[in-house]
Every structure is written in structure tokens, then in C-alpha cells.
Amino acid sequence: MTSVYVDADACPVKSEAERVATRHGVPLFLVSNGGLRPPANPLVRTVVVDQGADVADKWIADRCGTGDVVITADVPLAARCIAAGARVLRHNGEIFTPANIGQQLALRDLMADVRAANPLATGGGGKGFTKSDRSRFLDALERELRAARSA
């Protein structure tokens, strides 16, 4: 059975994911270290994991598989979920695939090195989350959920 897993700490599209999952009648797991208000929706399960680095990621990676959809901005988690057979997308609608995950991991590592080499600590911060990002996310989640359910 298809499920949707959301790496919910700092995820700006939890309500959109809930709306799409509910429309499709599939369970949605909001996984975080805490601080989320449990929704009244019976299809949504709030999972609070222990504090610690990557505990929520491990919970998701250990449970997702073929036919599931994972929403995360965490590239190493995306790689683990793809390896498990899940479909993975970012909250801005970008899709992680087996074809692009290696490049995404390499870019992540490169950018970490660049940030570490910046002695003045200038720059930083990513682009803001826009209405078009939200719209792209909704379209991408709809497509990925349909593909996951038909797989």
C-alpha cells in the first residue's frame, strides 16, 4: 500500500501534502523531533522520534519502499529512500531520481566544502520559498503519487 512520508522538521508544505494524500486516500506520516500539532485527519499520523542527528531520517528510510512517496530536502535521506525504491521529491517540487541523486550528493558535498572554506562567513541563506515553488510541489506530488500507486 502506498504511503507518503514527510521529513516534517521545517517543511513548508505539510498542509499541501496532507491535502493531496487525503484526496488519494493514502496514509501520511509527518516525522519530526517534536513541535507539531497532531492533525484531526485520520489518515495523518504524527511520528515524534527521539532527539538526535538523523533520527527522523532513519525512521523514514527504514520504512519507505516501492510504491511510497517521500518529501524531503535532505539529499542523503533522498538517496537512501531511492535505494529502497521510493519516489522522492523536495518541498519545491524538484524530483530526486536514480539518474540525478549522485549529482545531487556531489553538489551537496561541494557546497559544504565551499561554505567551510569561506573565512569571512559571508553569503549564506537560500532563496525564499515562493508561491510558484508551492504550486510546483503540488503538481509534482500529484504526479508522483499517481505513479507510485500505479507501480
C-alpha atoms as a PDB file:
ATOM      1  CA  MET A   1       0.000   0.000   0.000  1.00  0.00           C
ATOM      2  CA  THR A   2       1.242   3.467  -0.876  1.00  0.00           C
ATOM      3  CA  SER A   3       2.166   5.875   1.928  1.00  0.00           C
ATOM      4  CA  VAL A   4       3.554   9.394   1.973  1.00  0.00           C
ATOM      5  CA  TYR A   5       6.410  10.187   4.365  1.00  0.00           C
ATOM      6  CA  VAL A   6       7.283  13.798   5.173  1.00  0.00           C
ATOM      7  CA  ASP A   7      10.566  14.843   6.768  1.00  0.00           C
ATOM      8  CA  ALA A   8       8.485  17.363   8.677  1.00  0.00           C
ATOM      9  CA  ASP A   9      11.007  19.440  10.602  1.00  0.00           C
ATOM     10  CA  ALA A  10      10.981  22.839   8.842  1.00  0.00           C
ATOM     11  CA  CYS A  11       8.916  21.517   5.922  1.00  0.00           C
ATOM     12  CA  PRO A  12       6.778  24.336   4.472  1.00  0.00           C
ATOM     13  CA  VAL A  13       4.321  22.088   2.598  1.00  0.00           C
ATOM     14  CA  LYS A  14       2.868  19.820   5.300  1.00  0.00           C
ATOM     15  CA  SER A  15      -0.702  21.027   4.773  1.00  0.00           C
ATOM     16  CA  GLU A  16      -0.404  20.664   0.985  1.00  0.00           C
ATOM     17  CA  ALA A  17       0.914  17.117   1.381  1.00  0.00           C
ATOM     18  CA  GLU A  18      -1.981  16.321   3.707  1.00  0.00           C
ATOM     19  CA  ARG A  19      -4.486  17.666   1.189  1.00  0.00           C
ATOM     20  CA  VAL A  20      -3.109  15.564  -1.688  1.00  0.00           C
ATOM     21  CA  ALA A  21      -2.710  12.398   0.416  1.00  0.00           C
ATOM     22  CA  THR A  22      -6.272  12.764   1.703  1.00  0.00           C
ATOM     23  CA  ARG A  23      -7.608  13.189  -1.830  1.00  0.00           C
ATOM     24  CA  HIS A  24      -5.905   9.913  -2.768  1.00  0.00           C
ATOM     25  CA  GLY A  25      -6.898   8.174   0.472  1.00  0.00           C
ATOM     26  CA  VAL A  26      -3.331   7.232   1.429  1.00  0.00           C
ATOM     27  CA  PRO A  27      -1.680   7.454   4.857  1.00  0.00           C
ATOM     28  CA  LEU A  28       0.635  10.393   5.504  1.00  0.00           C
ATOM     29  CA  PHE A  29       3.396  10.217   8.124  1.00  0.00           C
ATOM     30  CA  LEU A  30       4.704  13.539   9.472  1.00  0.00           C
ATOM     31  CA  VAL A  31       8.034  12.583  11.046  1.00  0.00           C
ATOM     32  CA  SER A  32       9.828  15.076  13.288  1.00  0.00           C
ATOM     33  CA  ASN A  33      11.694  15.598  16.540  1.00  0.00           C
ATOM     34  CA  GLY A  34       8.608  17.247  18.023  1.00  0.00           C
ATOM     35  CA  GLY A  35       6.744  20.502  17.998  1.00  0.00           C
ATOM     36  CA  LEU A  36       3.996  19.510  15.550  1.00  0.00           C
ATOM     37  CA  ARG A  37       0.336  19.789  16.388  1.00  0.00           C
ATOM     38  CA  PRO A  38      -1.368  16.456  15.666  1.00  0.00           C
ATOM     39  CA  PRO A  39      -3.956  16.920  12.904  1.00  0.00           C
ATOM     40  CA  ALA A  40      -7.507  15.635  13.264  1.00  0.00           C
ATOM     41  CA  ASN A  41      -7.284  13.851   9.899  1.00  0.00           C
ATOM     42  CA  PRO A  42      -7.397  10.065  10.471  1.00  0.00           C
ATOM     43  CA  LEU A  43      -5.078   9.472   7.504  1.00  0.00           C
ATOM     44  CA  VAL A  44      -2.317  11.619   9.027  1.00  0.00           C
ATOM     45  CA  ARG A  45      -0.020  10.151  11.641  1.00  0.00           C
ATOM     46  CA  THR A  46       2.357  12.382  13.553  1.00  0.00           C
ATOM     47  CA  VAL A  47       5.529  10.487  14.440  1.00  0.00           C
ATOM     48  CA  VAL A  48       7.782  12.078  17.041  1.00  0.00           C
ATOM     49  CA  VAL A  49      11.228  10.497  17.152  1.00  0.00           C
ATOM     50  CA  ASP A  50      13.968  10.901  19.748  1.00  0.00           C
ATOM     51  CA  GLN A  51      16.207  13.950  19.567  1.00  0.00           C
ATOM     52  CA  GLY A  52      19.420  13.415  17.702  1.00  0.00           C
ATOM     53  CA  ALA A  53      21.069  13.747  14.349  1.00  0.00           C
ATOM     54  CA  ASP A  54      19.255  11.949  11.548  1.00  0.00           C
ATOM     55  CA  VAL A  55      16.839  10.029  13.820  1.00  0.00           C
ATOM     56  CA  ALA A  56      13.823  11.146  11.764  1.00  0.00           C
ATOM     57  CA  ASP A  57      15.711  10.334   8.563  1.00  0.00           C
ATOM     58  CA  LYS A  58      16.481   6.824   9.793  1.00  0.00           C
ATOM     59  CA  TRP A  59      12.826   6.261  10.746  1.00  0.00           C
ATOM     60  CA  ILE A  60      11.681   7.234   7.255  1.00  0.00           C
ATOM     61  CA  ALA A  61      14.425   5.335   5.414  1.00  0.00           C
ATOM     62  CA  ASP A  62      13.734   2.165   7.420  1.00  0.00           C
ATOM     63  CA  ARG A  63      10.037   2.164   6.471  1.00  0.00           C
ATOM     64  CA  CYS A  64       9.687   3.545   2.952  1.00  0.00           C
ATOM     65  CA  GLY A  65       9.839   1.366  -0.115  1.00  0.00           C
ATOM     66  CA  THR A  66       8.483   0.736  -3.570  1.00  0.00           C
ATOM     67  CA  GLY A  67       5.166   2.482  -4.075  1.00  0.00           C
ATOM     68  CA  ASP A  68       5.813   5.128  -1.402  1.00  0.00           C
ATOM     69  CA  VAL A  69       6.486   8.846  -1.785  1.00  0.00           C
ATOM     70  CA  VAL A  70       8.946  10.726   0.440  1.00  0.00           C
ATOM     71  CA  ILE A  71       9.112  14.512   0.808  1.00  0.00           C
ATOM     72  CA  THR A  72      12.453  15.834   1.991  1.00  0.00           C
ATOM     73  CA  ALA A  73      15.136  18.406   1.257  1.00  0.00           C
ATOM     74  CA  ASP A  74      17.761  16.122   2.816  1.00  0.00           C
ATOM     75  CA  VAL A  75      19.867  14.716  -0.036  1.00  0.00           C
ATOM     76  CA  PRO A  76      21.410  11.754   1.873  1.00  0.00           C
ATOM     77  CA  LEU A  77      17.914  10.747   3.038  1.00  0.00           C
ATOM     78  CA  ALA A  78      16.660  11.051  -0.530  1.00  0.00           C
ATOM     79  CA  ALA A  79      19.454   8.718  -1.683  1.00  0.00           C
ATOM     80  CA  ARG A  80      18.527   6.107   0.937  1.00  0.00           C
ATOM     81  CA  CYS A  81      14.835   6.294   0.017  1.00  0.00           C
ATOM     82  CA  ILE A  82      15.557   5.989  -3.708  1.00  0.00           C
ATOM     83  CA  ALA A  83      17.703   2.936  -2.955  1.00  0.00           C
ATOM     84  CA  ALA A  84      14.681   1.479  -1.127  1.00  0.00           C
ATOM     85  CA  GLY A  85      12.512   2.042  -4.212  1.00  0.00           C
ATOM     86  CA  ALA A  86      10.544   5.095  -3.059  1.00  0.00           C
ATOM     87  CA  ARG A  87       9.762   8.151  -5.159  1.00  0.00           C
ATOM     88  CA  VAL A  88      11.290  11.285  -3.604  1.00  0.00           C
ATOM     89  CA  LEU A  89      10.691  14.997  -4.036  1.00  0.00           C
ATOM     90  CA  ARG A  90      11.757  18.252  -2.450  1.00  0.00           C
ATOM     91  CA  HIS A  91       9.245  20.678  -0.995  1.00  0.00           C
ATOM     92  CA  ASN A  92       9.728  22.933  -4.044  1.00  0.00           C
ATOM     93  CA  GLY A  93       8.649  20.189  -6.463  1.00  0.00           C
ATOM     94  CA  GLU A  94      12.083  19.075  -7.659  1.00  0.00           C
ATOM     95  CA  ILE A  95      12.229  15.302  -8.127  1.00  0.00           C
ATOM     96  CA  PHE A  96      15.110  13.163  -6.895  1.00  0.00           C
ATOM     97  CA  THR A  97      15.665  10.197  -9.220  1.00  0.00           C
ATOM     98  CA  PRO A  98      18.170   7.360  -9.537  1.00  0.00           C
ATOM     99  CA  ALA A  99      19.596   9.299 -12.511  1.00  0.00           C
ATOM    100  CA  ASN A 100      20.233  12.566 -10.620  1.00  0.00           C
ATOM    101  CA  ILE A 101      20.840  11.549  -6.997  1.00  0.00           C
ATOM    102  CA  GLY A 102      24.590  11.018  -7.469  1.00  0.00           C
ATOM    103  CA  GLN A 103      24.965  14.516  -8.881  1.00  0.00           C
ATOM    104  CA  GLN A 104      22.833  15.925  -6.042  1.00  0.00           C
ATOM    105  CA  LEU A 105      25.046  14.221  -3.438  1.00  0.00           C
ATOM    106  CA  ALA A 106      28.219  15.514  -5.123  1.00  0.00           C
ATOM    107  CA  LEU A 107      26.819  19.060  -5.303  1.00  0.00           C
ATOM    108  CA  ARG A 108      25.837  18.913  -1.632  1.00  0.00           C
ATOM    109  CA  ASP A 109      29.368  17.858  -0.668  1.00  0.00           C
ATOM    110  CA  LEU A 110      30.931  20.533  -2.892  1.00  0.00           C
ATOM    111  CA  MET A 111      28.773  23.265  -1.385  1.00  0.00           C
ATOM    112  CA  ALA A 112      29.664  22.091   2.137  1.00  0.00           C
ATOM    113  CA  ASP A 113      33.342  22.451   1.234  1.00  0.00           C
ATOM    114  CA  VAL A 114      32.750  25.927  -0.234  1.00  0.00           C
ATOM    115  CA  ARG A 115      30.894  27.050   2.885  1.00  0.00           C
ATOM    116  CA  ALA A 116      33.650  25.642   5.117  1.00  0.00           C
ATOM    117  CA  ALA A 117      36.319  27.489   3.110  1.00  0.00           C
ATOM    118  CA  ASN A 118      34.602  30.871   3.457  1.00  0.00           C
ATOM    119  CA  PRO A 119      36.759  32.546   6.139  1.00  0.00           C
ATOM    120  CA  LEU A 120      34.581  35.665   6.333  1.00  0.00           C
ATOM    121  CA  ALA A 121      31.331  33.697   6.609  1.00  0.00           C
ATOM    122  CA  THR A 122      29.724  35.974   4.034  1.00  0.00           C
ATOM    123  CA  GLY A 123      26.764  34.949   1.931  1.00  0.00           C
ATOM    124  CA  GLY A 124      24.538  32.144   3.041  1.00  0.00           C
ATOM    125  CA  GLY A 125      20.852  31.656   3.173  1.00  0.00           C
ATOM    126  CA  GLY A 126      18.975  30.121   0.301  1.00  0.00           C
ATOM    127  CA  LYS A 127      16.275  31.520  -1.903  1.00  0.00           C
ATOM    128  CA  GLY A 128      12.967  32.172  -0.283  1.00  0.00           C
ATOM    129  CA  PHE A 129      10.064  29.758  -0.690  1.00  0.00           C
ATOM    130  CA  THR A 130       7.623  31.204  -3.246  1.00  0.00           C
ATOM    131  CA  LYS A 131       4.061  30.646  -4.414  1.00  0.00           C
ATOM    132  CA  SER A 132       5.421  29.108  -7.609  1.00  0.00           C
ATOM    133  CA  ASP A 133       7.504  26.655  -5.513  1.00  0.00           C
ATOM    134  CA  ARG A 134       4.320  25.659  -3.668  1.00  0.00           C
ATOM    135  CA  SER A 135       2.454  25.224  -6.943  1.00  0.00           C
ATOM    136  CA  ARG A 136       5.282  23.144  -8.447  1.00  0.00           C
ATOM    137  CA  PHE A 137       5.269  20.998  -5.316  1.00  0.00           C
ATOM    138  CA  LEU A 138       1.528  20.320  -5.568  1.00  0.00           C
ATOM    139  CA  ASP A 139       1.834  19.326  -9.237  1.00  0.00           C
ATOM    140  CA  ALA A 140       4.876  17.137  -8.573  1.00  0.00           C
ATOM    141  CA  LEU A 141       3.290  15.393  -5.574  1.00  0.00           C
ATOM    142  CA  GLU A 142       0.150  14.669  -7.561  1.00  0.00           C
ATOM    143  CA  ARG A 143       2.209  13.140 -10.408  1.00  0.00           C
ATOM    144  CA  GLU A 144       4.485  11.146  -8.092  1.00  0.00           C
ATOM    145  CA  LEU A 145       1.593   9.818  -6.023  1.00  0.00           C
ATOM    146  CA  ARG A 146      -0.272   8.687  -9.126  1.00  0.00           C
ATOM    147  CA  ALA A 147       2.883   6.999 -10.466  1.00  0.00           C
ATOM    148  CA  ALA A 148       3.581   5.345  -7.102  1.00  0.00           C
ATOM    149  CA  ARG A 149       0.050   3.978  -6.838  1.00  0.00           C
ATOM    150  CA  SER A 150       0.130   2.560 -10.352  1.00  0.00           C
ATOM    151  CA  ALA A 151       3.552   0.933  -9.876  1.00  0.00           C
END
